[in-house]
PDB file of all heavy atoms in Angstrom:
ATOM      1  N   SER A   1      -9.378  -0.257  -5.520  1.00  0.00           N
ATOM      2  CA  SER A   1      -9.606  -1.205  -6.607  1.00  0.00           C
ATOM      3  C   SER A   1      -9.142  -0.523  -7.888  1.00  0.00           C
ATOM      4  O   SER A   1      -9.659   0.525  -8.268  1.00  0.00           O
ATOM      5  CB  SER A   1     -11.090  -1.565  -6.702  1.00  0.00           C
ATOM      6  OG  SER A   1     -11.322  -2.321  -7.883  1.00  0.00           O
ATOM      7  N   TRP A   2      -8.132  -1.101  -8.533  1.00  0.00           N
ATOM      8  CA  TRP A   2      -7.614  -0.569  -9.796  1.00  0.00           C
ATOM      9  C   TRP A   2      -8.222  -1.339 -10.959  1.00  0.00           C
ATOM     10  O   TRP A   2      -8.213  -2.563 -10.983  1.00  0.00           O
ATOM     11  CB  TRP A   2      -6.091  -0.682  -9.838  1.00  0.00           C
ATOM     12  CG  TRP A   2      -5.416   0.305  -8.936  1.00  0.00           C
ATOM     13  CD1 TRP A   2      -5.023   0.109  -7.651  1.00  0.00           C
ATOM     14  CD2 TRP A   2      -5.090   1.651  -9.251  1.00  0.00           C
ATOM     15  NE1 TRP A   2      -4.462   1.248  -7.144  1.00  0.00           N
ATOM     16  CE2 TRP A   2      -4.487   2.216  -8.109  1.00  0.00           C
ATOM     17  CE3 TRP A   2      -5.235   2.444 -10.389  1.00  0.00           C
ATOM     18  CZ2 TRP A   2      -4.036   3.528  -8.079  1.00  0.00           C
ATOM     19  CZ3 TRP A   2      -4.787   3.746 -10.358  1.00  0.00           C
ATOM     20  CH2 TRP A   2      -4.202   4.277  -9.217  1.00  0.00           C
ATOM     21  N   ASN A   3      -8.775  -0.598 -11.910  1.00  0.00           N
ATOM     22  CA  ASN A   3      -9.360  -1.184 -13.123  1.00  0.00           C
ATOM     23  C   ASN A   3     -10.386  -2.269 -12.811  1.00  0.00           C
ATOM     24  O   ASN A   3     -10.479  -3.274 -13.506  1.00  0.00           O
ATOM     25  CB  ASN A   3      -8.259  -1.737 -14.041  1.00  0.00           C
ATOM     26  CG  ASN A   3      -7.326  -0.652 -14.508  1.00  0.00           C
ATOM     27  OD1 ASN A   3      -7.751   0.439 -14.871  1.00  0.00           O
ATOM     28  ND2 ASN A   3      -6.038  -0.932 -14.486  1.00  0.00           N
ATOM     29  N   GLY A   4     -11.152  -2.067 -11.737  1.00  0.00           N
ATOM     30  CA  GLY A   4     -12.203  -3.007 -11.354  1.00  0.00           C
ATOM     31  C   GLY A   4     -11.698  -4.294 -10.732  1.00  0.00           C
ATOM     32  O   GLY A   4     -12.471  -5.221 -10.526  1.00  0.00           O
ATOM     33  N   GLY A   5     -10.416  -4.357 -10.409  1.00  0.00           N
ATOM     34  CA  GLY A   5      -9.830  -5.572  -9.830  1.00  0.00           C
ATOM     35  C   GLY A   5     -10.089  -5.704  -8.349  1.00  0.00           C
ATOM     36  O   GLY A   5     -10.749  -4.873  -7.722  1.00  0.00           O
ATOM     37  N   LYS A   6      -9.528  -6.765  -7.782  1.00  0.00           N
ATOM     38  CA  LYS A   6      -9.667  -7.042  -6.351  1.00  0.00           C
ATOM     39  C   LYS A   6      -9.023  -5.904  -5.558  1.00  0.00           C
ATOM     40  O   LYS A   6      -7.921  -5.469  -5.877  1.00  0.00           O
ATOM     41  CB  LYS A   6      -8.974  -8.365  -6.025  1.00  0.00           C
ATOM     42  CG  LYS A   6      -9.116  -8.782  -4.587  1.00  0.00           C
ATOM     43  CD  LYS A   6      -8.464 -10.122  -4.331  1.00  0.00           C
ATOM     44  CE  LYS A   6      -8.573 -10.457  -2.849  1.00  0.00           C
ATOM     45  NZ  LYS A   6      -7.923 -11.724  -2.544  1.00  0.00           N
ATOM     46  N   PRO A   7      -9.701  -5.397  -4.534  1.00  0.00           N
ATOM     47  CA  PRO A   7      -9.130  -4.314  -3.720  1.00  0.00           C
ATOM     48  C   PRO A   7      -7.812  -4.723  -3.083  1.00  0.00           C
ATOM     49  O   PRO A   7      -7.646  -5.873  -2.668  1.00  0.00           O
ATOM     50  CB  PRO A   7     -10.203  -4.068  -2.658  1.00  0.00           C
ATOM     51  CG  PRO A   7     -11.464  -4.586  -3.248  1.00  0.00           C
ATOM     52  CD  PRO A   7     -11.055  -5.756  -4.101  1.00  0.00           C
ATOM     53  N   LYS A   8      -6.872  -3.770  -3.044  1.00  0.00           N
ATOM     54  CA  LYS A   8      -5.562  -3.996  -2.444  1.00  0.00           C
ATOM     55  C   LYS A   8      -5.193  -2.796  -1.589  1.00  0.00           C
ATOM     56  O   LYS A   8      -5.698  -1.694  -1.789  1.00  0.00           O
ATOM     57  CB  LYS A   8      -4.495  -4.186  -3.514  1.00  0.00           C
ATOM     58  CG  LYS A   8      -4.671  -5.452  -4.325  1.00  0.00           C
ATOM     59  CD  LYS A   8      -3.528  -5.659  -5.271  1.00  0.00           C
ATOM     60  CE  LYS A   8      -3.706  -6.961  -6.042  1.00  0.00           C
ATOM     61  NZ  LYS A   8      -2.596  -7.214  -6.942  1.00  0.00           N
ATOM     62  N   LEU A   9      -4.283  -3.034  -0.652  1.00  0.00           N
ATOM     63  CA  LEU A   9      -3.717  -1.953   0.133  1.00  0.00           C
ATOM     64  C   LEU A   9      -2.842  -1.135  -0.811  1.00  0.00           C
ATOM     65  O   LEU A   9      -2.065  -1.694  -1.580  1.00  0.00           O
ATOM     66  CB  LEU A   9      -2.883  -2.531   1.273  1.00  0.00           C
ATOM     67  CG  LEU A   9      -2.398  -1.539   2.311  1.00  0.00           C
ATOM     68  CD1 LEU A   9      -3.576  -1.042   3.144  1.00  0.00           C
ATOM     69  CD2 LEU A   9      -1.368  -2.185   3.208  1.00  0.00           C
ATOM     70  N   ASP A  10      -2.975   0.168  -0.771  1.00  0.00           N
ATOM     71  CA  ASP A  10      -2.318   1.039  -1.744  1.00  0.00           C
ATOM     72  C   ASP A  10      -1.644   2.192  -1.006  1.00  0.00           C
ATOM     73  O   ASP A  10      -2.286   2.849  -0.180  1.00  0.00           O
ATOM     74  CB  ASP A  10      -3.389   1.572  -2.708  1.00  0.00           C
ATOM     75  CG  ASP A  10      -2.822   2.379  -3.828  1.00  0.00           C
ATOM     76  OD1 ASP A  10      -2.667   3.606  -3.666  1.00  0.00           O
ATOM     77  OD2 ASP A  10      -2.522   1.792  -4.880  1.00  0.00           O
ATOM     78  N   ILE A  11      -0.358   2.403  -1.276  1.00  0.00           N
ATOM     79  CA  ILE A  11       0.385   3.489  -0.639  1.00  0.00           C
ATOM     80  C   ILE A  11       0.953   4.368  -1.745  1.00  0.00           C
ATOM     81  O   ILE A  11       1.751   3.918  -2.562  1.00  0.00           O
ATOM     82  CB  ILE A  11       1.540   2.945   0.237  1.00  0.00           C
ATOM     83  CG1 ILE A  11       0.994   1.969   1.286  1.00  0.00           C
ATOM     84  CG2 ILE A  11       2.285   4.101   0.908  1.00  0.00           C
ATOM     85  CD1 ILE A  11       2.068   1.189   2.017  1.00  0.00           C
ATOM     86  N   ARG A  12       0.505   5.624  -1.790  1.00  0.00           N
ATOM     87  CA  ARG A  12       0.986   6.581  -2.783  1.00  0.00           C
ATOM     88  C   ARG A  12       0.515   7.983  -2.414  1.00  0.00           C
ATOM     89  O   ARG A  12      -0.333   8.144  -1.550  1.00  0.00           O
ATOM     90  CB  ARG A  12       0.548   6.211  -4.207  1.00  0.00           C
ATOM     91  CG  ARG A  12      -0.916   6.404  -4.488  1.00  0.00           C
ATOM     92  CD  ARG A  12      -1.334   5.895  -5.870  1.00  0.00           C
ATOM     93  NE  ARG A  12      -1.235   4.456  -5.936  1.00  0.00           N
ATOM     94  CZ  ARG A  12      -0.460   3.791  -6.794  1.00  0.00           C
ATOM     95  NH1 ARG A  12       0.255   4.427  -7.680  1.00  0.00           N
ATOM     96  NH2 ARG A  12      -0.410   2.489  -6.772  1.00  0.00           N
ATOM     97  N   ALA A  13       1.065   8.986  -3.079  1.00  0.00           N
ATOM     98  CA  ALA A  13       0.673  10.384  -2.851  1.00  0.00           C
ATOM     99  C   ALA A  13      -0.456  10.756  -3.804  1.00  0.00           C
ATOM    100  O   ALA A  13      -0.393  10.453  -5.000  1.00  0.00           O
ATOM    101  CB  ALA A  13       1.869  11.304  -3.040  1.00  0.00           C
ATOM    102  N   TRP A  14      -1.469  11.410  -3.267  1.00  0.00           N
ATOM    103  CA  TRP A  14      -2.638  11.857  -4.033  1.00  0.00           C
ATOM    104  C   TRP A  14      -2.807  13.364  -3.875  1.00  0.00           C
ATOM    105  O   TRP A  14      -2.584  13.903  -2.802  1.00  0.00           O
ATOM    106  CB  TRP A  14      -3.919  11.204  -3.491  1.00  0.00           C
ATOM    107  CG  TRP A  14      -4.013   9.743  -3.732  1.00  0.00           C
ATOM    108  CD1 TRP A  14      -3.544   8.748  -2.928  1.00  0.00           C
ATOM    109  CD2 TRP A  14      -4.614   9.105  -4.845  1.00  0.00           C
ATOM    110  NE1 TRP A  14      -3.813   7.526  -3.468  1.00  0.00           N
ATOM    111  CE2 TRP A  14      -4.477   7.713  -4.655  1.00  0.00           C
ATOM    112  CE3 TRP A  14      -5.265   9.563  -5.994  1.00  0.00           C
ATOM    113  CZ2 TRP A  14      -4.961   6.788  -5.568  1.00  0.00           C
ATOM    114  CZ3 TRP A  14      -5.742   8.627  -6.895  1.00  0.00           C
ATOM    115  CH2 TRP A  14      -5.594   7.261  -6.677  1.00  0.00           C
ATOM    116  N   THR A  15      -3.266  14.018  -4.944  1.00  0.00           N
ATOM    117  CA  THR A  15      -3.654  15.415  -4.827  1.00  0.00           C
ATOM    118  C   THR A  15      -4.983  15.475  -4.077  1.00  0.00           C
ATOM    119  O   THR A  15      -5.698  14.475  -3.989  1.00  0.00           O
ATOM    120  CB  THR A  15      -3.804  16.079  -6.211  1.00  0.00           C
ATOM    121  OG1 THR A  15      -4.754  15.339  -6.984  1.00  0.00           O
ATOM    122  CG2 THR A  15      -2.471  16.148  -6.945  1.00  0.00           C
ATOM    123  N   ASP A  16      -5.292  16.656  -3.514  1.00  0.00           N
ATOM    124  CA  ASP A  16      -6.524  16.809  -2.732  1.00  0.00           C
ATOM    125  C   ASP A  16      -7.772  16.373  -3.492  1.00  0.00           C
ATOM    126  O   ASP A  16      -8.662  15.757  -2.920  1.00  0.00           O
ATOM    127  CB  ASP A  16      -6.706  18.267  -2.285  1.00  0.00           C
ATOM    128  CG  ASP A  16      -5.768  18.639  -1.155  1.00  0.00           C
ATOM    129  OD1 ASP A  16      -5.229  17.729  -0.498  1.00  0.00           O
ATOM    130  OD2 ASP A  16      -5.567  19.848  -0.935  1.00  0.00           O
ATOM    131  N   ASP A  17      -7.842  16.701  -4.782  1.00  0.00           N
ATOM    132  CA  ASP A  17      -9.043  16.395  -5.559  1.00  0.00           C
ATOM    133  C   ASP A  17      -8.984  15.018  -6.225  1.00  0.00           C
ATOM    134  O   ASP A  17      -9.850  14.670  -7.010  1.00  0.00           O
ATOM    135  CB  ASP A  17      -9.300  17.473  -6.605  1.00  0.00           C
ATOM    136  CG  ASP A  17      -8.182  17.594  -7.623  1.00  0.00           C
ATOM    137  OD1 ASP A  17      -7.191  16.836  -7.549  1.00  0.00           O
ATOM    138  OD2 ASP A  17      -8.300  18.466  -8.508  1.00  0.00           O
ATOM    139  N   MET A  18      -7.933  14.217  -5.905  1.00  0.00           N
ATOM    140  CA  MET A  18      -7.739  12.876  -6.454  1.00  0.00           C
ATOM    141  C   MET A  18      -7.583  12.879  -7.971  1.00  0.00           C
ATOM    142  O   MET A  18      -7.793  11.874  -8.629  1.00  0.00           O
ATOM    143  CB  MET A  18      -8.897  11.945  -6.066  1.00  0.00           C
ATOM    144  CG  MET A  18      -8.514  10.917  -5.043  1.00  0.00           C
ATOM    145  SD  MET A  18      -9.830   9.727  -4.721  1.00  0.00           S
ATOM    146  CE  MET A  18      -9.765   8.692  -6.161  1.00  0.00           C
ATOM    147  N   SER A  19      -7.223  14.033  -8.557  1.00  0.00           N
ATOM    148  CA  SER A  19      -7.082  14.110 -10.010  1.00  0.00           C
ATOM    149  C   SER A  19      -5.780  13.490 -10.496  1.00  0.00           C
ATOM    150  O   SER A  19      -5.666  13.128 -11.663  1.00  0.00           O
ATOM    151  CB  SER A  19      -7.180  15.562 -10.474  1.00  0.00           C
ATOM    152  OG  SER A  19      -6.109  16.319  -9.922  1.00  0.00           O
ATOM    153  N   SER A  20      -4.801  13.358  -9.611  1.00  0.00           N
ATOM    154  CA  SER A  20      -3.556  12.710 -10.000  1.00  0.00           C
ATOM    155  C   SER A  20      -2.886  12.089  -8.784  1.00  0.00           C
ATOM    156  O   SER A  20      -3.161  12.457  -7.640  1.00  0.00           O
ATOM    157  CB  SER A  20      -2.616  13.703 -10.677  1.00  0.00           C
ATOM    158  OG  SER A  20      -2.195  14.690  -9.775  1.00  0.00           O
ATOM    159  N   CYS A  21      -2.007  11.140  -9.067  1.00  0.00           N
ATOM    160  CA  CYS A  21      -1.294  10.448  -7.992  1.00  0.00           C
ATOM    161  C   CYS A  21       0.108  10.109  -8.462  1.00  0.00           C
ATOM    162  O   CYS A  21       0.397  10.095  -9.648  1.00  0.00           O
ATOM    163  CB  CYS A  21      -2.040   9.190  -7.568  1.00  0.00           C
ATOM    164  SG  CYS A  21      -2.209   7.955  -8.861  1.00  0.00           S
ATOM    165  N   SER A  22       0.972   9.838  -7.493  1.00  0.00           N
ATOM    166  CA  SER A  22       2.342   9.450  -7.792  1.00  0.00           C
ATOM    167  C   SER A  22       2.398   7.942  -8.035  1.00  0.00           C
ATOM    168  O   SER A  22       1.415   7.227  -7.826  1.00  0.00           O
ATOM    169  CB  SER A  22       3.249   9.804  -6.617  1.00  0.00           C
ATOM    170  OG  SER A  22       2.932   8.987  -5.502  1.00  0.00           O
ATOM    171  N   LYS A  23       3.563   7.477  -8.439  1.00  0.00           N
ATOM    172  CA  LYS A  23       3.768   6.037  -8.471  1.00  0.00           C
ATOM    173  C   LYS A  23       3.697   5.564  -7.035  1.00  0.00           C
ATOM    174  O   LYS A  23       4.051   6.290  -6.111  1.00  0.00           O
ATOM    175  CB  LYS A  23       5.124   5.695  -9.062  1.00  0.00           C
ATOM    176  CG  LYS A  23       5.198   5.942 -10.545  1.00  0.00           C
ATOM    177  CD  LYS A  23       6.533   5.506 -11.086  1.00  0.00           C
ATOM    178  CE  LYS A  23       6.591   5.764 -12.581  1.00  0.00           C
ATOM    179  NZ  LYS A  23       7.888   5.316 -13.147  1.00  0.00           N
ATOM    180  N   GLY A  24       3.238   4.364  -6.839  1.00  0.00           N
ATOM    181  CA  GLY A  24       3.093   3.866  -5.488  1.00  0.00           C
ATOM    182  C   GLY A  24       3.292   2.371  -5.435  1.00  0.00           C
ATOM    183  O   GLY A  24       3.891   1.775  -6.330  1.00  0.00           O
ATOM    184  N   ILE A  25       2.753   1.787  -4.401  1.00  0.00           N
ATOM    185  CA  ILE A  25       2.860   0.351  -4.205  1.00  0.00           C
ATOM    186  C   ILE A  25       1.495  -0.202  -3.835  1.00  0.00           C
ATOM    187  O   ILE A  25       0.742   0.418  -3.084  1.00  0.00           O
ATOM    188  CB  ILE A  25       3.919   0.016  -3.121  1.00  0.00           C
ATOM    189  CG1 ILE A  25       4.099  -1.483  -2.982  1.00  0.00           C
ATOM    190  CG2 ILE A  25       3.594   0.672  -1.806  1.00  0.00           C
ATOM    191  CD1 ILE A  25       5.269  -1.885  -2.121  1.00  0.00           C
ATOM    192  N   ARG A  26       1.167  -1.360  -4.413  1.00  0.00           N
ATOM    193  CA  ARG A  26      -0.077  -2.063  -4.092  1.00  0.00           C
ATOM    194  C   ARG A  26       0.299  -3.390  -3.474  1.00  0.00           C
ATOM    195  O   ARG A  26       1.178  -4.092  -3.972  1.00  0.00           O
ATOM    196  CB  ARG A  26      -0.905  -2.309  -5.348  1.00  0.00           C
ATOM    197  CG  ARG A  26      -1.462  -1.049  -5.945  1.00  0.00           C
ATOM    198  CD  ARG A  26      -2.223  -1.376  -7.189  1.00  0.00           C
ATOM    199  NE  ARG A  26      -1.292  -1.818  -8.224  1.00  0.00           N
ATOM    200  CZ  ARG A  26      -1.459  -1.587  -9.511  1.00  0.00           C
ATOM    201  NH1 ARG A  26      -2.500  -0.948  -9.943  1.00  0.00           N
ATOM    202  NH2 ARG A  26      -0.572  -2.019 -10.377  1.00  0.00           N
ATOM    203  N   LEU A  27      -0.375  -3.728  -2.380  1.00  0.00           N
ATOM    204  CA  LEU A  27      -0.078  -4.964  -1.664  1.00  0.00           C
ATOM    205  C   LEU A  27      -1.355  -5.756  -1.420  1.00  0.00           C
ATOM    206  O   LEU A  27      -2.385  -5.185  -1.060  1.00  0.00           O
ATOM    207  CB  LEU A  27       0.557  -4.661  -0.304  1.00  0.00           C
ATOM    208  CG  LEU A  27       1.854  -3.866  -0.303  1.00  0.00           C
ATOM    209  CD1 LEU A  27       2.168  -3.367   1.099  1.00  0.00           C
ATOM    210  CD2 LEU A  27       2.984  -4.706  -0.834  1.00  0.00           C
ATOM    211  N   THR A  28      -1.265  -7.069  -1.599  1.00  0.00           N
ATOM    212  CA  THR A  28      -2.368  -7.930  -1.184  1.00  0.00           C
ATOM    213  C   THR A  28      -2.384  -7.945   0.342  1.00  0.00           C
ATOM    214  O   THR A  28      -1.426  -7.512   0.993  1.00  0.00           O
ATOM    215  CB  THR A  28      -2.172  -9.372  -1.698  1.00  0.00           C
ATOM    216  OG1 THR A  28      -0.993  -9.914  -1.082  1.00  0.00           O
ATOM    217  CG2 THR A  28      -2.065  -9.426  -3.214  1.00  0.00           C
ATOM    218  N   ASP A  29      -3.434  -8.477   0.919  1.00  0.00           N
ATOM    219  CA  ASP A  29      -3.494  -8.590   2.381  1.00  0.00           C
ATOM    220  C   ASP A  29      -2.318  -9.419   2.902  1.00  0.00           C
ATOM    221  O   ASP A  29      -1.722  -9.081   3.923  1.00  0.00           O
ATOM    222  CB  ASP A  29      -4.814  -9.217   2.830  1.00  0.00           C
ATOM    223  CG  ASP A  29      -5.992  -8.266   2.689  1.00  0.00           C
ATOM    224  OD1 ASP A  29      -5.770  -7.057   2.467  1.00  0.00           O
ATOM    225  OD2 ASP A  29      -7.138  -8.741   2.802  1.00  0.00           O
ATOM    226  N   GLU A  30      -1.987 -10.495   2.206  1.00  0.00           N
ATOM    227  CA  GLU A  30      -0.893 -11.355   2.639  1.00  0.00           C
ATOM    228  C   GLU A  30       0.441 -10.613   2.581  1.00  0.00           C
ATOM    229  O   GLU A  30       1.263 -10.712   3.504  1.00  0.00           O
ATOM    230  CB  GLU A  30      -0.832 -12.612   1.765  1.00  0.00           C
ATOM    231  CG  GLU A  30      -2.033 -13.540   1.928  1.00  0.00           C
ATOM    232  CD  GLU A  30      -3.258 -13.087   1.119  1.00  0.00           C
ATOM    233  OE1 GLU A  30      -3.124 -12.275   0.156  1.00  0.00           O
ATOM    234  OE2 GLU A  30      -4.361 -13.535   1.466  1.00  0.00           O
ATOM    235  N   GLU A  31       0.676  -9.862   1.518  1.00  0.00           N
ATOM    236  CA  GLU A  31       1.915  -9.086   1.401  1.00  0.00           C
ATOM    237  C   GLU A  31       1.988  -8.005   2.473  1.00  0.00           C
ATOM    238  O   GLU A  31       3.041  -7.777   3.062  1.00  0.00           O
ATOM    239  CB  GLU A  31       2.015  -8.456   0.014  1.00  0.00           C
ATOM    240  CG  GLU A  31       2.201  -9.455  -1.102  1.00  0.00           C
ATOM    241  CD  GLU A  31       1.981  -8.867  -2.474  1.00  0.00           C
ATOM    242  OE1 GLU A  31       1.220  -7.878  -2.609  1.00  0.00           O
ATOM    243  OE2 GLU A  31       2.576  -9.407  -3.430  1.00  0.00           O
ATOM    244  N   ALA A  32       0.860  -7.346   2.731  1.00  0.00           N
ATOM    245  CA  ALA A  32       0.827  -6.297   3.752  1.00  0.00           C
ATOM    246  C   ALA A  32       1.109  -6.865   5.134  1.00  0.00           C
ATOM    247  O   ALA A  32       1.822  -6.255   5.940  1.00  0.00           O
ATOM    248  CB  ALA A  32      -0.527  -5.593   3.731  1.00  0.00           C
ATOM    249  N   GLU A  33       0.591  -8.053   5.416  1.00  0.00           N
ATOM    250  CA  GLU A  33       0.844  -8.683   6.715  1.00  0.00           C
ATOM    251  C   GLU A  33       2.328  -9.035   6.858  1.00  0.00           C
ATOM    252  O   GLU A  33       2.927  -8.811   7.908  1.00  0.00           O
ATOM    253  CB  GLU A  33      -0.017  -9.928   6.877  1.00  0.00           C
ATOM    254  CG  GLU A  33       0.075 -10.519   8.257  1.00  0.00           C
ATOM    255  CD  GLU A  33      -0.913 -11.650   8.491  1.00  0.00           C
ATOM    256  OE1 GLU A  33      -1.684 -12.006   7.577  1.00  0.00           O
ATOM    257  OE2 GLU A  33      -0.899 -12.182   9.615  1.00  0.00           O
ATOM    258  N   LYS A  34       2.944  -9.545   5.799  1.00  0.00           N
ATOM    259  CA  LYS A  34       4.376  -9.849   5.840  1.00  0.00           C
ATOM    260  C   LYS A  34       5.193  -8.570   6.041  1.00  0.00           C
ATOM    261  O   LYS A  34       6.157  -8.549   6.805  1.00  0.00           O
ATOM    262  CB  LYS A  34       4.809 -10.565   4.566  1.00  0.00           C
ATOM    263  CG  LYS A  34       4.319 -11.990   4.502  1.00  0.00           C
ATOM    264  CD  LYS A  34       4.734 -12.647   3.196  1.00  0.00           C
ATOM    265  CE  LYS A  34       4.175 -14.059   3.111  1.00  0.00           C
ATOM    266  NZ  LYS A  34       4.528 -14.703   1.836  1.00  0.00           N
ATOM    267  N   LEU A  35       4.806  -7.494   5.356  1.00  0.00           N
ATOM    268  CA  LEU A  35       5.491  -6.216   5.522  1.00  0.00           C
ATOM    269  C   LEU A  35       5.373  -5.731   6.965  1.00  0.00           C
ATOM    270  O   LEU A  35       6.346  -5.247   7.548  1.00  0.00           O
ATOM    271  CB  LEU A  35       4.938  -5.170   4.559  1.00  0.00           C
ATOM    272  CG  LEU A  35       5.481  -3.751   4.718  1.00  0.00           C
ATOM    273  CD1 LEU A  35       6.991  -3.713   4.494  1.00  0.00           C
ATOM    274  CD2 LEU A  35       4.763  -2.800   3.779  1.00  0.00           C
ATOM    275  N   MET A  36       4.198  -5.875   7.552  1.00  0.00           N
ATOM    276  CA  MET A  36       3.989  -5.466   8.935  1.00  0.00           C
ATOM    277  C   MET A  36       4.950  -6.205   9.868  1.00  0.00           C
ATOM    278  O   MET A  36       5.570  -5.595  10.741  1.00  0.00           O
ATOM    279  CB  MET A  36       2.536  -5.734   9.355  1.00  0.00           C
ATOM    280  CG  MET A  36       2.221  -5.322  10.778  1.00  0.00           C
ATOM    281  SD  MET A  36       0.500  -5.645  11.223  1.00  0.00           S
ATOM    282  CE  MET A  36       0.481  -7.431  11.204  1.00  0.00           C
ATOM    283  N   HIS A  37       5.133  -7.494   9.665  1.00  0.00           N
ATOM    284  CA  HIS A  37       6.040  -8.275  10.510  1.00  0.00           C
ATOM    285  C   HIS A  37       7.491  -7.845  10.308  1.00  0.00           C
ATOM    286  O   HIS A  37       8.260  -7.751  11.272  1.00  0.00           O
ATOM    287  CB  HIS A  37       5.881  -9.769  10.258  1.00  0.00           C
ATOM    288  CG  HIS A  37       4.557 -10.310  10.708  1.00  0.00           C
ATOM    289  ND1 HIS A  37       4.116 -10.229  12.016  1.00  0.00           N
ATOM    290  CD2 HIS A  37       3.565 -10.911  10.021  1.00  0.00           C
ATOM    291  CE1 HIS A  37       2.926 -10.769  12.112  1.00  0.00           C
ATOM    292  NE2 HIS A  37       2.556 -11.194  10.913  1.00  0.00           N
ATOM    293  N   VAL A  38       7.879  -7.569   9.069  1.00  0.00           N
ATOM    294  CA  VAL A  38       9.234  -7.093   8.786  1.00  0.00           C
ATOM    295  C   VAL A  38       9.476  -5.760   9.494  1.00  0.00           C
ATOM    296  O   VAL A  38      10.521  -5.546  10.118  1.00  0.00           O
ATOM    297  CB  VAL A  38       9.465  -6.964   7.267  1.00  0.00           C
ATOM    298  CG1 VAL A  38      10.735  -6.207   6.952  1.00  0.00           C
ATOM    299  CG2 VAL A  38       9.485  -8.339   6.613  1.00  0.00           C
ATOM    300  N   LEU A  39       8.505  -4.853   9.419  1.00  0.00           N
ATOM    301  CA  LEU A  39       8.652  -3.545  10.063  1.00  0.00           C
ATOM    302  C   LEU A  39       8.670  -3.665  11.583  1.00  0.00           C
ATOM    303  O   LEU A  39       9.415  -2.944  12.250  1.00  0.00           O
ATOM    304  CB  LEU A  39       7.541  -2.603   9.605  1.00  0.00           C
ATOM    305  CG  LEU A  39       7.609  -2.182   8.140  1.00  0.00           C
ATOM    306  CD1 LEU A  39       6.364  -1.389   7.754  1.00  0.00           C
ATOM    307  CD2 LEU A  39       8.866  -1.393   7.850  1.00  0.00           C
ATOM    308  N   GLU A  40       7.871  -4.565  12.132  1.00  0.00           N
ATOM    309  CA  GLU A  40       7.886  -4.781  13.580  1.00  0.00           C
ATOM    310  C   GLU A  40       9.264  -5.226  14.032  1.00  0.00           C
ATOM    311  O   GLU A  40       9.797  -4.728  15.036  1.00  0.00           O
ATOM    312  CB  GLU A  40       6.835  -5.819  13.989  1.00  0.00           C
ATOM    313  CG  GLU A  40       5.429  -5.296  13.966  1.00  0.00           C
ATOM    314  CD  GLU A  40       4.384  -6.396  14.205  1.00  0.00           C
ATOM    315  OE1 GLU A  40       4.717  -7.602  14.119  1.00  0.00           O
ATOM    316  OE2 GLU A  40       3.230  -6.023  14.467  1.00  0.00           O
ATOM    317  N   ARG A  41       9.888  -6.164  13.297  1.00  0.00           N
ATOM    318  CA  ARG A  41      11.247  -6.616  13.645  1.00  0.00           C
ATOM    319  C   ARG A  41      12.233  -5.464  13.537  1.00  0.00           C
ATOM    320  O   ARG A  41      13.096  -5.290  14.400  1.00  0.00           O
ATOM    321  CB  ARG A  41      11.678  -7.761  12.725  1.00  0.00           C
ATOM    322  CG  ARG A  41      11.137  -9.100  13.120  1.00  0.00           C
ATOM    323  CD  ARG A  41      11.867 -10.260  12.445  1.00  0.00           C
ATOM    324  NE  ARG A  41      12.114 -10.100  11.023  1.00  0.00           N
ATOM    325  CZ  ARG A  41      11.298 -10.522  10.055  1.00  0.00           C
ATOM    326  NH1 ARG A  41      10.166 -11.135  10.352  1.00  0.00           N
ATOM    327  NH2 ARG A  41      11.617 -10.344   8.791  1.00  0.00           N
ATOM    328  N   TYR A  42      12.106  -4.673  12.500  1.00  0.00           N
ATOM    329  CA  TYR A  42      13.004  -3.535  12.302  1.00  0.00           C
ATOM    330  C   TYR A  42      12.943  -2.570  13.471  1.00  0.00           C
ATOM    331  O   TYR A  42      13.967  -2.158  14.014  1.00  0.00           O
ATOM    332  CB  TYR A  42      12.663  -2.812  10.999  1.00  0.00           C
ATOM    333  CG  TYR A  42      13.370  -1.488  10.827  1.00  0.00           C
ATOM    334  CD1 TYR A  42      14.704  -1.438  10.435  1.00  0.00           C
ATOM    335  CD2 TYR A  42      12.704  -0.290  11.079  1.00  0.00           C
ATOM    336  CE1 TYR A  42      15.368  -0.240  10.289  1.00  0.00           C
ATOM    337  CE2 TYR A  42      13.358   0.919  10.941  1.00  0.00           C
ATOM    338  CZ  TYR A  42      14.686   0.938  10.546  1.00  0.00           C
ATOM    339  OH  TYR A  42      15.338   2.142  10.411  1.00  0.00           O
ATOM    340  N   PHE A  43      11.746  -2.200  13.907  1.00  0.00           N
ATOM    341  CA  PHE A  43      11.598  -1.232  14.986  1.00  0.00           C
ATOM    342  C   PHE A  43      11.966  -1.800  16.350  1.00  0.00           C
ATOM    343  O   PHE A  43      12.402  -1.055  17.232  1.00  0.00           O
ATOM    344  CB  PHE A  43      10.190  -0.615  14.983  1.00  0.00           C
ATOM    345  CG  PHE A  43      10.013   0.368  13.859  1.00  0.00           C
ATOM    346  CD1 PHE A  43       9.209   0.079  12.775  1.00  0.00           C
ATOM    347  CD2 PHE A  43      10.694   1.581  13.872  1.00  0.00           C
ATOM    348  CE1 PHE A  43       9.072   0.992  11.738  1.00  0.00           C
ATOM    349  CE2 PHE A  43      10.562   2.504  12.828  1.00  0.00           C
ATOM    350  CZ  PHE A  43       9.749   2.186  11.770  1.00  0.00           C
ATOM    351  N   LYS A  44      11.839  -3.084  16.531  1.00  0.00           N
ATOM    352  CA  LYS A  44      12.283  -3.704  17.786  1.00  0.00           C
ATOM    353  C   LYS A  44      13.794  -3.669  17.916  1.00  0.00           C
ATOM    354  O   LYS A  44      14.330  -3.624  19.009  1.00  0.00           O
ATOM    355  CB  LYS A  44      11.786  -5.144  17.874  1.00  0.00           C
ATOM    356  CG  LYS A  44      10.325  -5.252  18.237  1.00  0.00           C
ATOM    357  CD  LYS A  44       9.897  -6.701  18.330  1.00  0.00           C
ATOM    358  CE  LYS A  44       8.411  -6.771  18.614  1.00  0.00           C
ATOM    359  NZ  LYS A  44       7.935  -8.164  18.655  1.00  0.00           N
ATOM    360  N   GLU A  45      14.496  -3.696  16.789  1.00  0.00           N
ATOM    361  CA  GLU A  45      15.955  -3.697  16.772  1.00  0.00           C
ATOM    362  C   GLU A  45      16.532  -2.287  16.978  1.00  0.00           C
ATOM    363  O   GLU A  45      17.725  -2.151  17.217  1.00  0.00           O
ATOM    364  CB  GLU A  45      16.486  -4.271  15.463  1.00  0.00           C
ATOM    365  CG  GLU A  45      16.174  -5.736  15.294  1.00  0.00           C
ATOM    366  CD  GLU A  45      16.544  -6.260  13.912  1.00  0.00           C
ATOM    367  OE1 GLU A  45      17.020  -5.471  13.056  1.00  0.00           O
ATOM    368  OE2 GLU A  45      16.341  -7.454  13.669  1.00  0.00           O
TER     369      GLU A  45
END
């Protein structure tokens, strides 16, 4: 949850103590599900 907002799937690099992180990507559940289907097609090919 960023800035108290709705929780989202988040992919990024974090330091062990969570004191800093890299730029990353945040996805809603719907976006994450679409990404999963795209990746499934990619790996099947």
